[in-house]
Amino acid sequence: MTTFSFTAIAVCAVTLIVPGAASAQQRVSSNAPLFSSAPVFRGAPLFSSAPLFRGAPLFSSAPLSAGEALASPQQSNVPDQAKQAESAVTDAVKKFRIGVFGGIGLDPELIEFGAHAAFGPFFSDKVVFRPGFDIGVGEITTQLGLNLDALYILPGSTTSTRWVPYVGAGVNFALSHEGFEEPAPEDAEDAEQDDEDRFDFSDTDFESGLNFIVGMRSQRGMFFEMRATAYGVSAIRLLAGFNF
């Protein structure tokens, strides 16, 4: 009898507790979520998207102007007059196609260097006038020459041709001074006077001749040529140079 009583009491307790727990759980899930999406602080969100400094952003995405992009931390100390002079020289070199060269002369043996400019084309897109000067220094002969040459670019070459052949002809005017070796001077004053006499053209010969030129030049400016002068001071010159 006692066992039956305890069993009946337990069944009644379970019957009363389980529906209550289920209804309580239903009320919790329906009335309030487990994790609320409301901010912790209702006055302001935890993480704000407003910029740190309202006056100016920390990193600006605005593009820099050309002057600001090229400006260095330290301003250049080059005066404006020097910049203008440099620009004028650069423009003149490109306009007149100035070139420099050096080489050797045979009969007499000379070390030569000089410069020239190019004008044209004239009469045809393959004819160019090229005046220039050169200085030759040898063991015996010192020479100062002026060349007035015309060059003709051989047909068949295009802008894609790596080396362009050409021929030319012109006139040569030269001042030459010849001096023979003398016994070495005894004092420094005589030695200095001997060095000055090498470039003293007061006792010189004036000669003129005809130039005949064969050469080739690259599209990048390098050139090689052989110049033979008839009736002039130096018979044959082997030259290499660069056209700017």
C-alpha atoms as a PDB file:
ATOM      1  CA  MET A   1       0.000   0.000   0.000  1.00  0.00           C
ATOM      2  CA  THR A   2       2.803   2.337   0.906  1.00  0.00           C
ATOM      3  CA  THR A   3       4.650   1.664  -2.379  1.00  0.00           C
ATOM      4  CA  PHE A   4       1.563   2.454  -4.395  1.00  0.00           C
ATOM      5  CA  SER A   5       1.133   5.756  -2.600  1.00  0.00           C
ATOM      6  CA  PHE A   6       4.673   6.963  -3.347  1.00  0.00           C
ATOM      7  CA  THR A   7       4.284   5.978  -7.015  1.00  0.00           C
ATOM      8  CA  ALA A   8       1.075   7.901  -7.382  1.00  0.00           C
ATOM      9  CA  ILE A   9       2.589  10.977  -5.763  1.00  0.00           C
ATOM     10  CA  ALA A  10       5.619  10.895  -8.173  1.00  0.00           C
ATOM     11  CA  VAL A  11       3.384  10.573 -11.237  1.00  0.00           C
ATOM     12  CA  CYS A  12       1.345  13.552 -10.152  1.00  0.00           C
ATOM     13  CA  ALA A  13       4.471  15.674  -9.541  1.00  0.00           C
ATOM     14  CA  VAL A  14       5.897  14.918 -13.001  1.00  0.00           C
ATOM     15  CA  THR A  15       2.535  15.697 -14.580  1.00  0.00           C
ATOM     16  CA  LEU A  16       2.477  19.125 -12.941  1.00  0.00           C
ATOM     17  CA  ILE A  17       6.200  20.117 -13.409  1.00  0.00           C
ATOM     18  CA  VAL A  18       6.785  19.123 -17.064  1.00  0.00           C
ATOM     19  CA  PRO A  19       3.973  21.228 -18.614  1.00  0.00           C
ATOM     20  CA  GLY A  20       5.076  24.170 -16.491  1.00  0.00           C
ATOM     21  CA  ALA A  21       8.671  23.953 -17.650  1.00  0.00           C
ATOM     22  CA  ALA A  22       7.586  23.610 -21.276  1.00  0.00           C
ATOM     23  CA  SER A  23       5.342  26.652 -21.049  1.00  0.00           C
ATOM     24  CA  ALA A  24       8.105  28.653 -19.325  1.00  0.00           C
ATOM     25  CA  GLN A  25      10.559  27.702 -22.053  1.00  0.00           C
ATOM     26  CA  GLN A  26       8.037  28.743 -24.714  1.00  0.00           C
ATOM     27  CA  ARG A  27       7.584  32.115 -23.028  1.00  0.00           C
ATOM     28  CA  VAL A  28      11.355  32.714 -22.827  1.00  0.00           C
ATOM     29  CA  SER A  29      11.922  31.854 -26.504  1.00  0.00           C
ATOM     30  CA  SER A  30       8.975  33.884 -27.725  1.00  0.00           C
ATOM     31  CA  ASN A  31       9.253  36.981 -25.562  1.00  0.00           C
ATOM     32  CA  ALA A  32      13.004  37.696 -25.373  1.00  0.00           C
ATOM     33  CA  PRO A  33      15.890  36.427 -27.578  1.00  0.00           C
ATOM     34  CA  LEU A  34      18.843  34.733 -25.970  1.00  0.00           C
ATOM     35  CA  PHE A  35      21.336  37.247 -27.425  1.00  0.00           C
ATOM     36  CA  SER A  36      20.004  40.717 -28.013  1.00  0.00           C
ATOM     37  CA  SER A  37      21.146  42.744 -31.069  1.00  0.00           C
ATOM     38  CA  ALA A  38      20.667  45.987 -29.204  1.00  0.00           C
ATOM     39  CA  PRO A  39      23.900  47.928 -28.622  1.00  0.00           C
ATOM     40  CA  VAL A  40      25.507  47.751 -25.247  1.00  0.00           C
ATOM     41  CA  PHE A  41      25.438  51.517 -24.939  1.00  0.00           C
ATOM     42  CA  ARG A  42      22.244  52.968 -26.345  1.00  0.00           C
ATOM     43  CA  GLY A  43      23.715  56.467 -26.577  1.00  0.00           C
ATOM     44  CA  ALA A  44      26.501  55.589 -29.034  1.00  0.00           C
ATOM     45  CA  PRO A  45      27.595  52.367 -30.793  1.00  0.00           C
ATOM     46  CA  LEU A  46      30.665  50.540 -29.564  1.00  0.00           C
ATOM     47  CA  PHE A  47      32.559  51.051 -32.833  1.00  0.00           C
ATOM     48  CA  SER A  48      31.775  54.274 -34.686  1.00  0.00           C
ATOM     49  CA  SER A  49      32.380  54.781 -38.419  1.00  0.00           C
ATOM     50  CA  ALA A  50      32.989  58.502 -37.942  1.00  0.00           C
ATOM     51  CA  PRO A  51      36.548  59.691 -38.814  1.00  0.00           C
ATOM     52  CA  LEU A  52      39.032  60.088 -36.011  1.00  0.00           C
ATOM     53  CA  PHE A  53      39.711  63.734 -36.882  1.00  0.00           C
ATOM     54  CA  ARG A  54      36.683  65.536 -38.281  1.00  0.00           C
ATOM     55  CA  GLY A  55      38.751  68.454 -39.608  1.00  0.00           C
ATOM     56  CA  ALA A  56      40.890  66.389 -42.001  1.00  0.00           C
ATOM     57  CA  PRO A  57      41.080  62.626 -42.675  1.00  0.00           C
ATOM     58  CA  LEU A  58      44.126  60.733 -41.481  1.00  0.00           C
ATOM     59  CA  PHE A  59      45.022  59.562 -45.003  1.00  0.00           C
ATOM     60  CA  SER A  60      43.822  61.693 -47.904  1.00  0.00           C
ATOM     61  CA  SER A  61      42.971  60.033 -51.219  1.00  0.00           C
ATOM     62  CA  ALA A  62      43.203  63.279 -53.203  1.00  0.00           C
ATOM     63  CA  PRO A  63      45.830  63.081 -56.008  1.00  0.00           C
ATOM     64  CA  LEU A  64      48.951  65.212 -55.755  1.00  0.00           C
ATOM     65  CA  SER A  65      49.582  67.939 -58.276  1.00  0.00           C
ATOM     66  CA  ALA A  66      52.508  67.720 -60.694  1.00  0.00           C
ATOM     67  CA  GLY A  67      54.488  70.266 -58.713  1.00  0.00           C
ATOM     68  CA  GLU A  68      53.894  68.474 -55.411  1.00  0.00           C
ATOM     69  CA  ALA A  69      54.755  65.080 -56.903  1.00  0.00           C
ATOM     70  CA  LEU A  70      58.068  66.304 -58.284  1.00  0.00           C
ATOM     71  CA  ALA A  71      58.968  68.467 -55.315  1.00  0.00           C
ATOM     72  CA  SER A  72      61.767  67.040 -53.228  1.00  0.00           C
ATOM     73  CA  PRO A  73      62.028  67.420 -49.475  1.00  0.00           C
ATOM     74  CA  GLN A  74      64.786  69.902 -50.105  1.00  0.00           C
ATOM     75  CA  GLN A  75      64.251  72.631 -52.671  1.00  0.00           C
ATOM     76  CA  SER A  76      66.729  72.755 -55.565  1.00  0.00           C
ATOM     77  CA  ASN A  77      69.451  75.365 -55.280  1.00  0.00           C
ATOM     78  CA  VAL A  78      69.950  75.663 -59.055  1.00  0.00           C
ATOM     79  CA  PRO A  79      69.147  79.231 -60.188  1.00  0.00           C
ATOM     80  CA  ASP A  80      66.498  79.783 -62.837  1.00  0.00           C
ATOM     81  CA  GLN A  81      69.081  81.335 -65.173  1.00  0.00           C
ATOM     82  CA  ALA A  82      71.155  78.152 -65.064  1.00  0.00           C
ATOM     83  CA  LYS A  83      68.087  76.017 -65.826  1.00  0.00           C
ATOM     84  CA  GLN A  84      67.182  78.252 -68.767  1.00  0.00           C
ATOM     85  CA  ALA A  85      70.741  78.080 -70.123  1.00  0.00           C
ATOM     86  CA  GLU A  86      70.756  74.284 -69.829  1.00  0.00           C
ATOM     87  CA  SER A  87      67.430  74.071 -71.650  1.00  0.00           C
ATOM     88  CA  ALA A  88      68.695  76.365 -74.431  1.00  0.00           C
ATOM     89  CA  VAL A  89      71.849  74.278 -74.922  1.00  0.00           C
ATOM     90  CA  THR A  90      69.819  71.056 -75.058  1.00  0.00           C
ATOM     91  CA  ASP A  91      67.451  72.519 -77.646  1.00  0.00           C
ATOM     92  CA  ALA A  92      70.373  73.756 -79.785  1.00  0.00           C
ATOM     93  CA  VAL A  93      72.092  70.355 -79.701  1.00  0.00           C
ATOM     94  CA  LYS A  94      68.903  68.621 -80.872  1.00  0.00           C
ATOM     95  CA  LYS A  95      68.070  71.280 -83.459  1.00  0.00           C
ATOM     96  CA  PHE A  96      71.488  71.317 -85.145  1.00  0.00           C
ATOM     97  CA  ARG A  97      72.194  67.597 -84.564  1.00  0.00           C
ATOM     98  CA  ILE A  98      75.602  68.237 -83.082  1.00  0.00           C
ATOM     99  CA  GLY A  99      78.040  65.335 -83.005  1.00  0.00           C
ATOM    100  CA  VAL A 100      81.525  64.664 -81.680  1.00  0.00           C
ATOM    101  CA  PHE A 101      84.193  62.323 -83.024  1.00  0.00           C
ATOM    102  CA  GLY A 102      87.738  61.129 -82.530  1.00  0.00           C
ATOM    103  CA  GLY A 103      90.220  58.923 -84.318  1.00  0.00           C
ATOM    104  CA  ILE A 104      93.606  58.651 -85.928  1.00  0.00           C
ATOM    105  CA  GLY A 105      95.147  60.172 -89.039  1.00  0.00           C
ATOM    106  CA  LEU A 106      97.628  58.407 -91.281  1.00  0.00           C
ATOM    107  CA  ASP A 107     100.436  60.081 -93.216  1.00  0.00           C
ATOM    108  CA  PRO A 108     101.179  62.052 -91.106  1.00  0.00           C
ATOM    109  CA  GLU A 109     100.269  60.189 -87.958  1.00  0.00           C
ATOM    110  CA  LEU A 110      97.834  62.254 -85.914  1.00  0.00           C
ATOM    111  CA  ILE A 111      95.412  61.828 -83.055  1.00  0.00           C
ATOM    112  CA  GLU A 112      92.298  63.719 -84.088  1.00  0.00           C
ATOM    113  CA  PHE A 113      89.137  64.908 -82.386  1.00  0.00           C
ATOM    114  CA  GLY A 114      86.466  67.396 -83.336  1.00  0.00           C
ATOM    115  CA  ALA A 115      82.773  68.206 -83.674  1.00  0.00           C
ATOM    116  CA  HIS A 116      80.238  68.868 -86.403  1.00  0.00           C
ATOM    117  CA  ALA A 117      76.626  69.890 -86.984  1.00  0.00           C
ATOM    118  CA  ALA A 118      74.088  68.724 -89.559  1.00  0.00           C
ATOM    119  CA  PHE A 119      71.587  70.776 -91.569  1.00  0.00           C
ATOM    120  CA  GLY A 120      68.991  69.646 -94.024  1.00  0.00           C
ATOM    121  CA  PRO A 121      67.858  67.682 -95.787  1.00  0.00           C
ATOM    122  CA  PHE A 122      68.465  69.591 -99.038  1.00  0.00           C
ATOM    123  CA  PHE A 123      67.125  68.724-102.499  1.00  0.00           C
ATOM    124  CA  SER A 124      66.231  65.265-101.173  1.00  0.00           C
ATOM    125  CA  ASP A 125      65.503  63.616 -97.846  1.00  0.00           C
ATOM    126  CA  LYS A 126      68.834  61.793 -98.202  1.00  0.00           C
ATOM    127  CA  VAL A 127      71.188  64.781 -98.617  1.00  0.00           C
ATOM    128  CA  VAL A 128      72.578  66.524 -95.520  1.00  0.00           C
ATOM    129  CA  PHE A 129      75.077  69.368 -95.187  1.00  0.00           C
ATOM    130  CA  ARG A 130      77.577  68.741 -92.371  1.00  0.00           C
ATOM    131  CA  PRO A 131      80.136  71.434 -91.486  1.00  0.00           C
ATOM    132  CA  GLY A 132      82.683  70.687 -88.785  1.00  0.00           C
ATOM    133  CA  PHE A 133      86.151  71.263 -87.431  1.00  0.00           C
ATOM    134  CA  ASP A 134      88.900  69.000 -86.153  1.00  0.00           C
ATOM    135  CA  ILE A 135      92.180  69.282 -84.318  1.00  0.00           C
ATOM    136  CA  GLY A 136      95.036  66.850 -84.976  1.00  0.00           C
ATOM    137  CA  VAL A 137      98.100  66.432 -82.786  1.00  0.00           C
ATOM    138  CA  GLY A 138     101.111  64.331 -83.794  1.00  0.00           C
ATOM    139  CA  GLU A 139     104.755  63.925 -83.015  1.00  0.00           C
ATOM    140  CA  ILE A 140     105.725  66.448 -85.685  1.00  0.00           C
ATOM    141  CA  THR A 141     102.522  67.949 -87.088  1.00  0.00           C
ATOM    142  CA  THR A 142      99.799  69.960 -85.388  1.00  0.00           C
ATOM    143  CA  GLN A 143      96.710  70.683 -87.478  1.00  0.00           C
ATOM    144  CA  LEU A 144      93.528  72.723 -87.234  1.00  0.00           C
ATOM    145  CA  GLY A 145      91.000  71.894 -89.962  1.00  0.00           C
ATOM    146  CA  LEU A 146      87.625  73.077 -91.222  1.00  0.00           C
ATOM    147  CA  ASN A 147      85.448  70.659 -93.216  1.00  0.00           C
ATOM    148  CA  LEU A 148      82.422  71.533 -95.333  1.00  0.00           C
ATOM    149  CA  ASP A 149      80.958  68.171 -96.295  1.00  0.00           C
ATOM    150  CA  ALA A 150      77.745  66.939 -97.899  1.00  0.00           C
ATOM    151  CA  LEU A 151      76.510  63.446 -97.067  1.00  0.00           C
ATOM    152  CA  TYR A 152      74.261  61.209 -99.110  1.00  0.00           C
ATOM    153  CA  ILE A 153      72.381  58.376 -97.397  1.00  0.00           C
ATOM    154  CA  LEU A 154      72.372  55.318 -99.625  1.00  0.00           C
ATOM    155  CA  PRO A 155      68.897  54.108-100.697  1.00  0.00           C
ATOM    156  CA  GLY A 156      67.327  51.025 -99.224  1.00  0.00           C
ATOM    157  CA  SER A 157      67.543  52.043 -95.566  1.00  0.00           C
ATOM    158  CA  THR A 158      64.440  52.604 -93.449  1.00  0.00           C
ATOM    159  CA  THR A 159      63.730  53.740 -89.907  1.00  0.00           C
ATOM    160  CA  SER A 160      64.030  50.116 -88.775  1.00  0.00           C
ATOM    161  CA  THR A 161      67.480  49.661 -90.363  1.00  0.00           C
ATOM    162  CA  ARG A 162      70.036  49.226 -87.617  1.00  0.00           C
ATOM    163  CA  TRP A 163      73.034  50.645 -89.513  1.00  0.00           C
ATOM    164  CA  VAL A 164      72.568  53.207 -92.287  1.00  0.00           C
ATOM    165  CA  PRO A 165      75.407  53.502 -94.847  1.00  0.00           C
ATOM    166  CA  TYR A 166      76.332  56.837 -96.388  1.00  0.00           C
ATOM    167  CA  VAL A 167      78.922  58.470 -98.624  1.00  0.00           C
ATOM    168  CA  GLY A 168      80.023  62.064 -98.825  1.00  0.00           C
ATOM    169  CA  ALA A 169      82.341  64.649-100.271  1.00  0.00           C
ATOM    170  CA  GLY A 170      83.412  68.160 -99.430  1.00  0.00           C
ATOM    171  CA  VAL A 171      86.233  70.635 -99.073  1.00  0.00           C
ATOM    172  CA  ASN A 172      88.858  70.831 -96.346  1.00  0.00           C
ATOM    173  CA  PHE A 173      90.769  73.906 -95.181  1.00  0.00           C
ATOM    174  CA  ALA A 174      93.652  73.276 -92.814  1.00  0.00           C
ATOM    175  CA  LEU A 175      96.322  75.157 -90.930  1.00  0.00           C
ATOM    176  CA  SER A 176      99.296  72.939 -90.142  1.00  0.00           C
ATOM    177  CA  HIS A 177     102.443  73.485 -88.139  1.00  0.00           C
ATOM    178  CA  GLU A 178     105.419  71.141 -88.357  1.00  0.00           C
ATOM    179  CA  GLY A 179     108.177  71.087 -85.789  1.00  0.00           C
ATOM    180  CA  PHE A 180     111.122  68.737 -85.456  1.00  0.00           C
ATOM    181  CA  GLU A 181     112.514  67.532 -82.174  1.00  0.00           C
ATOM    182  CA  GLU A 182     115.445  69.468 -80.807  1.00  0.00           C
ATOM    183  CA  PRO A 183     117.797  68.615 -77.946  1.00  0.00           C
ATOM    184  CA  ALA A 184     115.996  68.695 -74.612  1.00  0.00           C
ATOM    185  CA  PRO A 185     116.075  72.167 -73.020  1.00  0.00           C
ATOM    186  CA  GLU A 186     118.173  72.565 -69.909  1.00  0.00           C
ATOM    187  CA  ASP A 187     115.827  74.705 -67.814  1.00  0.00           C
ATOM    188  CA  ALA A 188     112.076  74.800 -67.212  1.00  0.00           C
ATOM    189  CA  GLU A 189     111.607  78.129 -68.992  1.00  0.00           C
ATOM    190  CA  ASP A 190     112.924  76.722 -72.273  1.00  0.00           C
ATOM    191  CA  ALA A 191     110.749  73.612 -71.847  1.00  0.00           C
ATOM    192  CA  GLU A 192     107.625  75.752 -71.406  1.00  0.00           C
ATOM    193  CA  GLN A 193     108.545  77.774 -74.494  1.00  0.00           C
ATOM    194  CA  ASP A 194     108.934  74.576 -76.500  1.00  0.00           C
ATOM    195  CA  ASP A 195     105.402  73.443 -75.499  1.00  0.00           C
ATOM    196  CA  GLU A 196     103.940  76.799 -76.537  1.00  0.00           C
ATOM    197  CA  ASP A 197     105.594  76.590 -79.977  1.00  0.00           C
ATOM    198  CA  ARG A 198     103.583  73.428 -80.772  1.00  0.00           C
ATOM    199  CA  PHE A 199     100.351  75.422 -80.865  1.00  0.00           C
ATOM    200  CA  ASP A 200     101.895  78.590 -82.302  1.00  0.00           C
ATOM    201  CA  PHE A 201     100.389  78.960 -85.791  1.00  0.00           C
ATOM    202  CA  SER A 202     102.343  82.105 -86.618  1.00  0.00           C
ATOM    203  CA  ASP A 203     104.649  79.930 -88.744  1.00  0.00           C
ATOM    204  CA  THR A 204     102.113  77.678 -90.455  1.00  0.00           C
ATOM    205  CA  ASP A 205     101.103  76.384 -93.832  1.00  0.00           C
ATOM    206  CA  PHE A 206      97.607  76.839 -95.195  1.00  0.00           C
ATOM    207  CA  GLU A 207      96.400  73.949 -97.322  1.00  0.00           C
ATOM    208  CA  SER A 208      93.097  72.985 -98.868  1.00  0.00           C
ATOM    209  CA  GLY A 209      91.896  69.670-100.159  1.00  0.00           C
ATOM    210  CA  LEU A 210      88.939  67.517-101.124  1.00  0.00           C
ATOM    211  CA  ASN A 211      87.295  65.111 -98.695  1.00  0.00           C
ATOM    212  CA  PHE A 212      85.860  61.742 -99.707  1.00  0.00           C
ATOM    213  CA  ILE A 213      83.830  59.991 -97.024  1.00  0.00           C
ATOM    214  CA  VAL A 214      82.486  56.482 -96.528  1.00  0.00           C
ATOM    215  CA  GLY A 215      80.703  55.542 -93.328  1.00  0.00           C
ATOM    216  CA  MET A 216      77.752  54.097 -91.496  1.00  0.00           C
ATOM    217  CA  ARG A 217      75.687  55.305 -88.565  1.00  0.00           C
ATOM    218  CA  SER A 218      73.247  53.644 -86.209  1.00  0.00           C
ATOM    219  CA  GLN A 219      69.772  54.862 -85.381  1.00  0.00           C
ATOM    220  CA  ARG A 220      70.966  55.505 -81.818  1.00  0.00           C
ATOM    221  CA  GLY A 221      73.662  57.985 -82.908  1.00  0.00           C
ATOM    222  CA  MET A 222      76.930  56.019 -83.085  1.00  0.00           C
ATOM    223  CA  PHE A 223      78.843  56.252 -86.365  1.00  0.00           C
ATOM    224  CA  PHE A 224      82.084  55.061 -87.976  1.00  0.00           C
ATOM    225  CA  GLU A 225      83.642  56.563 -91.067  1.00  0.00           C
ATOM    226  CA  MET A 226      86.779  56.774 -93.159  1.00  0.00           C
ATOM    227  CA  ARG A 227      87.725  60.160 -94.587  1.00  0.00           C
ATOM    228  CA  ALA A 228      90.356  60.499 -97.303  1.00  0.00           C
ATOM    229  CA  THR A 229      91.627  63.960 -98.190  1.00  0.00           C
ATOM    230  CA  ALA A 230      93.277  64.661-101.516  1.00  0.00           C
ATOM    231  CA  TYR A 231      95.814  67.478-101.602  1.00  0.00           C
ATOM    232  CA  GLY A 232      95.364  68.042 -97.874  1.00  0.00           C
ATOM    233  CA  VAL A 233      97.525  67.568 -94.807  1.00  0.00           C
ATOM    234  CA  SER A 234      96.242  64.201 -93.579  1.00  0.00           C
ATOM    235  CA  ALA A 235      95.615  61.682 -96.347  1.00  0.00           C
ATOM    236  CA  ILE A 236      93.420  59.149 -94.499  1.00  0.00           C
ATOM    237  CA  ARG A 237      91.505  59.423 -91.201  1.00  0.00           C
ATOM    238  CA  LEU A 238      89.672  56.645 -89.370  1.00  0.00           C
ATOM    239  CA  LEU A 239      87.018  58.151 -87.140  1.00  0.00           C
ATOM    240  CA  ALA A 240      84.314  57.111 -84.692  1.00  0.00           C
ATOM    241  CA  GLY A 241      81.817  59.355 -82.987  1.00  0.00           C
ATOM    242  CA  PHE A 242      78.330  60.010 -81.719  1.00  0.00           C
ATOM    243  CA  ASN A 243      75.513  62.217 -83.038  1.00  0.00           C
ATOM    244  CA  PHE A 244      73.249  63.694 -80.352  1.00  0.00           C
END
